[in-house]
Amino acid sequence: MRDKHYEAERGDRTRNRFALLVIIILVIVAIVNHVRADTKETPDRPASEDFFLESLEGEWVRLSDYRGKPVLLNFWASRRKEVEVK
């Protein structure tokens, strides 16, 4: 009697773990599809214009050099400019 109860509990845990795994996989697939859809060029959302920026190392880089790769632009000031108060 005790073994049947244990087996039933074990089967329930296995089904619950399988269901959780399926849910996690579905969420990951949904997130990946959402990110891909957001990054595609569409007629109402054209690609960004190409431009140059100076890197922290002093090299000039072009946005188009990173085509197909995720890019994070940080426009915070990296050099402090002293302002003289009169």
N, C-alpha and C. Protein backbone atom coordinates (compact mmCIF):
# COMPACT_ATOMS: atom_id res chain seq x y z
N MET A 1 0.83 -1.19 0.00
CA MET A 1 0.00 0.00 0.00
C MET A 1 0.87 1.26 0.00
N ARG A 2 1.88 1.24 0.82
CA ARG A 2 2.77 2.38 0.93
C ARG A 2 3.52 2.63 -0.37
N ASP A 3 3.92 1.58 -1.07
CA ASP A 3 4.63 1.71 -2.33
C ASP A 3 3.77 2.34 -3.41
N LYS A 4 2.47 2.01 -3.45
CA LYS A 4 1.59 2.57 -4.46
C LYS A 4 1.43 4.08 -4.25
N HIS A 5 1.32 4.49 -2.99
CA HIS A 5 1.20 5.91 -2.68
C HIS A 5 2.48 6.65 -3.08
N TYR A 6 3.60 6.07 -2.79
CA TYR A 6 4.89 6.67 -3.14
C TYR A 6 5.03 6.80 -4.65
N GLU A 7 4.66 5.76 -5.39
CA GLU A 7 4.74 5.78 -6.85
C GLU A 7 3.82 6.84 -7.44
N ALA A 8 2.63 6.99 -6.87
CA ALA A 8 1.69 8.00 -7.36
C ALA A 8 2.25 9.40 -7.13
N GLU A 9 2.84 9.63 -5.95
CA GLU A 9 3.45 10.93 -5.66
C GLU A 9 4.61 11.21 -6.60
N ARG A 10 5.41 10.19 -6.84
CA ARG A 10 6.56 10.32 -7.72
C ARG A 10 6.12 10.65 -9.14
N GLY A 11 5.05 10.01 -9.59
CA GLY A 11 4.52 10.28 -10.92
C GLY A 11 3.99 11.69 -11.04
N ASP A 12 3.33 12.18 -9.97
CA ASP A 12 2.83 13.56 -9.97
C ASP A 12 3.98 14.55 -10.06
N ARG A 13 5.04 14.31 -9.31
CA ARG A 13 6.20 15.20 -9.34
C ARG A 13 6.84 15.22 -10.73
N THR A 14 6.91 14.06 -11.35
CA THR A 14 7.49 13.97 -12.69
C THR A 14 6.65 14.76 -13.69
N ARG A 15 5.33 14.62 -13.62
CA ARG A 15 4.45 15.37 -14.51
C ARG A 15 4.56 16.87 -14.26
N ASN A 16 4.63 17.26 -13.00
CA ASN A 16 4.77 18.68 -12.67
C ASN A 16 6.09 19.25 -13.21
N ARG A 17 7.16 18.51 -13.06
CA ARG A 17 8.46 18.97 -13.57
C ARG A 17 8.43 19.07 -15.09
N PHE A 18 7.81 18.09 -15.75
CA PHE A 18 7.71 18.12 -17.20
C PHE A 18 6.88 19.33 -17.65
N ALA A 19 5.77 19.58 -16.98
CA ALA A 19 4.92 20.72 -17.33
C ALA A 19 5.68 22.04 -17.12
N LEU A 20 6.43 22.14 -16.04
CA LEU A 20 7.23 23.35 -15.79
C LEU A 20 8.29 23.52 -16.86
N LEU A 21 8.93 22.45 -17.27
CA LEU A 21 9.94 22.51 -18.32
C LEU A 21 9.32 22.98 -19.64
N VAL A 22 8.15 22.46 -19.98
CA VAL A 22 7.48 22.89 -21.21
C VAL A 22 7.12 24.36 -21.14
N ILE A 23 6.63 24.83 -20.01
CA ILE A 23 6.29 26.25 -19.85
C ILE A 23 7.52 27.12 -20.00
N ILE A 24 8.63 26.73 -19.38
CA ILE A 24 9.87 27.50 -19.48
C ILE A 24 10.34 27.57 -20.93
N ILE A 25 10.29 26.46 -21.65
CA ILE A 25 10.71 26.45 -23.05
C ILE A 25 9.81 27.35 -23.89
N LEU A 26 8.50 27.31 -23.65
CA LEU A 26 7.57 28.17 -24.40
C LEU A 26 7.83 29.65 -24.12
N VAL A 27 8.13 30.00 -22.89
CA VAL A 27 8.43 31.39 -22.55
C VAL A 27 9.71 31.84 -23.24
N ILE A 28 10.74 31.00 -23.25
CA ILE A 28 11.99 31.35 -23.91
C ILE A 28 11.77 31.55 -25.41
N VAL A 29 11.01 30.65 -26.03
CA VAL A 29 10.73 30.77 -27.46
C VAL A 29 9.96 32.06 -27.74
N ALA A 30 9.00 32.40 -26.90
CA ALA A 30 8.23 33.64 -27.09
C ALA A 30 9.12 34.87 -26.96
N ILE A 31 10.03 34.86 -26.00
CA ILE A 31 10.93 36.00 -25.82
C ILE A 31 11.86 36.15 -27.03
N VAL A 32 12.42 35.05 -27.50
CA VAL A 32 13.32 35.09 -28.66
C VAL A 32 12.57 35.60 -29.88
N ASN A 33 11.37 35.12 -30.12
CA ASN A 33 10.59 35.59 -31.26
C ASN A 33 10.25 37.07 -31.14
N HIS A 34 9.96 37.52 -29.95
CA HIS A 34 9.64 38.94 -29.73
C HIS A 34 10.86 39.81 -30.02
N VAL A 35 12.02 39.39 -29.56
CA VAL A 35 13.25 40.16 -29.79
C VAL A 35 13.57 40.19 -31.27
N ARG A 36 13.44 39.06 -31.95
CA ARG A 36 13.70 39.03 -33.39
C ARG A 36 12.74 39.94 -34.15
N ALA A 37 11.49 39.94 -33.77
CA ALA A 37 10.51 40.78 -34.46
C ALA A 37 10.81 42.26 -34.24
N ASP A 38 11.30 42.62 -33.07
CA ASP A 38 11.61 44.02 -32.78
C ASP A 38 12.84 44.51 -33.52
N THR A 39 13.75 43.63 -33.89
CA THR A 39 14.99 44.07 -34.52
C THR A 39 14.94 44.04 -36.04
N LYS A 40 13.88 43.52 -36.63
CA LYS A 40 13.78 43.47 -38.08
C LYS A 40 13.44 44.83 -38.64
N GLU A 41 14.01 45.11 -39.80
CA GLU A 41 13.71 46.37 -40.48
C GLU A 41 12.38 46.21 -41.20
N THR A 42 11.50 47.15 -41.00
CA THR A 42 10.19 47.14 -41.64
C THR A 42 9.99 48.48 -42.33
N PRO A 43 9.03 48.58 -43.25
CA PRO A 43 8.80 49.86 -43.93
C PRO A 43 8.50 51.01 -42.96
N ASP A 44 7.79 50.74 -41.89
CA ASP A 44 7.47 51.81 -40.94
C ASP A 44 8.59 52.00 -39.90
N ARG A 45 9.60 51.16 -39.96
CA ARG A 45 10.73 51.27 -39.02
C ARG A 45 12.03 51.04 -39.80
N PRO A 46 12.53 52.07 -40.47
CA PRO A 46 13.73 51.90 -41.29
C PRO A 46 14.98 51.69 -40.43
N ALA A 47 16.03 51.22 -41.07
CA ALA A 47 17.30 51.02 -40.37
C ALA A 47 17.86 52.38 -39.94
N SER A 48 18.68 52.38 -38.91
CA SER A 48 19.30 53.62 -38.44
C SER A 48 20.28 54.14 -39.47
N GLU A 49 20.41 55.44 -39.50
CA GLU A 49 21.39 56.04 -40.40
C GLU A 49 22.79 55.73 -39.89
N ASP A 50 23.71 55.61 -40.83
CA ASP A 50 25.09 55.32 -40.46
C ASP A 50 25.74 56.59 -39.90
N PHE A 51 26.50 56.45 -38.82
CA PHE A 51 27.21 57.59 -38.25
C PHE A 51 28.49 57.12 -37.58
N PHE A 52 29.38 58.06 -37.29
CA PHE A 52 30.66 57.78 -36.66
C PHE A 52 30.66 58.31 -35.23
N LEU A 53 31.33 57.58 -34.35
CA LEU A 53 31.54 58.03 -32.98
C LEU A 53 32.97 57.71 -32.56
N GLU A 54 33.49 58.49 -31.63
CA GLU A 54 34.82 58.22 -31.12
C GLU A 54 34.71 57.30 -29.91
N SER A 55 35.50 56.21 -29.92
CA SER A 55 35.48 55.26 -28.81
C SER A 55 36.28 55.81 -27.65
N LEU A 56 36.21 55.14 -26.51
CA LEU A 56 36.98 55.57 -25.35
C LEU A 56 38.49 55.46 -25.59
N GLU A 57 38.88 54.61 -26.54
CA GLU A 57 40.29 54.45 -26.88
C GLU A 57 40.76 55.50 -27.87
N GLY A 58 39.86 56.36 -28.34
CA GLY A 58 40.21 57.42 -29.27
C GLY A 58 40.07 57.02 -30.73
N GLU A 59 39.59 55.81 -31.01
CA GLU A 59 39.39 55.36 -32.39
C GLU A 59 38.00 55.76 -32.86
N TRP A 60 37.88 56.02 -34.16
CA TRP A 60 36.59 56.34 -34.74
C TRP A 60 35.95 55.05 -35.23
N VAL A 61 34.72 54.81 -34.82
CA VAL A 61 33.99 53.61 -35.23
C VAL A 61 32.70 54.02 -35.93
N ARG A 62 32.25 53.18 -36.83
CA ARG A 62 31.05 53.44 -37.62
C ARG A 62 29.97 52.47 -37.18
N LEU A 63 28.74 52.92 -37.11
CA LEU A 63 27.62 52.07 -36.71
C LEU A 63 27.49 50.87 -37.64
N SER A 64 27.68 51.07 -38.93
CA SER A 64 27.51 49.97 -39.88
C SER A 64 28.54 48.86 -39.69
N ASP A 65 29.63 49.12 -38.98
CA ASP A 65 30.62 48.08 -38.69
C ASP A 65 30.03 47.00 -37.79
N TYR A 66 28.96 47.32 -37.11
CA TYR A 66 28.34 46.39 -36.15
C TYR A 66 27.02 45.84 -36.67
N ARG A 67 26.79 45.88 -37.97
CA ARG A 67 25.53 45.40 -38.56
C ARG A 67 25.32 43.93 -38.20
N GLY A 68 24.13 43.60 -37.73
CA GLY A 68 23.78 42.23 -37.36
C GLY A 68 24.14 41.89 -35.93
N LYS A 69 24.79 42.82 -35.22
CA LYS A 69 25.18 42.59 -33.83
C LYS A 69 24.39 43.55 -32.94
N PRO A 70 24.09 43.15 -31.72
CA PRO A 70 23.41 44.08 -30.81
C PRO A 70 24.36 45.23 -30.45
N VAL A 71 23.82 46.44 -30.41
CA VAL A 71 24.63 47.62 -30.11
C VAL A 71 23.95 48.40 -29.00
N LEU A 72 24.73 48.78 -28.00
CA LEU A 72 24.24 49.62 -26.91
C LEU A 72 25.00 50.93 -26.97
N LEU A 73 24.28 52.02 -27.19
CA LEU A 73 24.91 53.33 -27.24
C LEU A 73 24.69 54.04 -25.92
N ASN A 74 25.77 54.48 -25.33
CA ASN A 74 25.71 55.20 -24.07
C ASN A 74 26.14 56.64 -24.34
N PHE A 75 25.19 57.56 -24.29
CA PHE A 75 25.47 58.95 -24.62
C PHE A 75 25.75 59.82 -23.39
N TRP A 76 26.06 59.21 -22.26
CA TRP A 76 26.42 59.99 -21.10
C TRP A 76 27.78 60.63 -21.34
N ALA A 77 27.98 61.79 -20.78
CA ALA A 77 29.26 62.48 -20.95
C ALA A 77 30.37 61.69 -20.26
N SER A 78 31.45 61.48 -20.97
CA SER A 78 32.56 60.71 -20.38
C SER A 78 33.73 61.62 -19.99
N ARG A 79 33.69 62.87 -20.44
CA ARG A 79 34.74 63.82 -20.08
C ARG A 79 34.10 65.01 -19.39
N ARG A 80 34.68 65.41 -18.30
CA ARG A 80 34.13 66.53 -17.55
C ARG A 80 34.72 67.83 -18.06
N LYS A 81 33.85 68.74 -18.39
CA LYS A 81 34.30 70.03 -18.88
C LYS A 81 34.07 71.05 -17.77
N GLU A 82 35.14 71.68 -17.35
CA GLU A 82 35.04 72.68 -16.27
C GLU A 82 34.39 73.94 -16.79
N VAL A 83 33.46 74.46 -16.04
CA VAL A 83 32.78 75.70 -16.40
C VAL A 83 33.15 76.75 -15.39
N GLU A 84 33.61 77.87 -15.89
CA GLU A 84 34.03 78.95 -15.01
C GLU A 84 32.81 79.82 -14.68
N VAL A 85 32.57 80.02 -13.41
CA VAL A 85 31.45 80.83 -12.95
C VAL A 85 31.95 82.23 -12.67
N LYS A 86 31.27 83.25 -13.21
CA LYS A 86 31.70 84.64 -13.00
C LYS A 86 30.88 85.29 -11.93
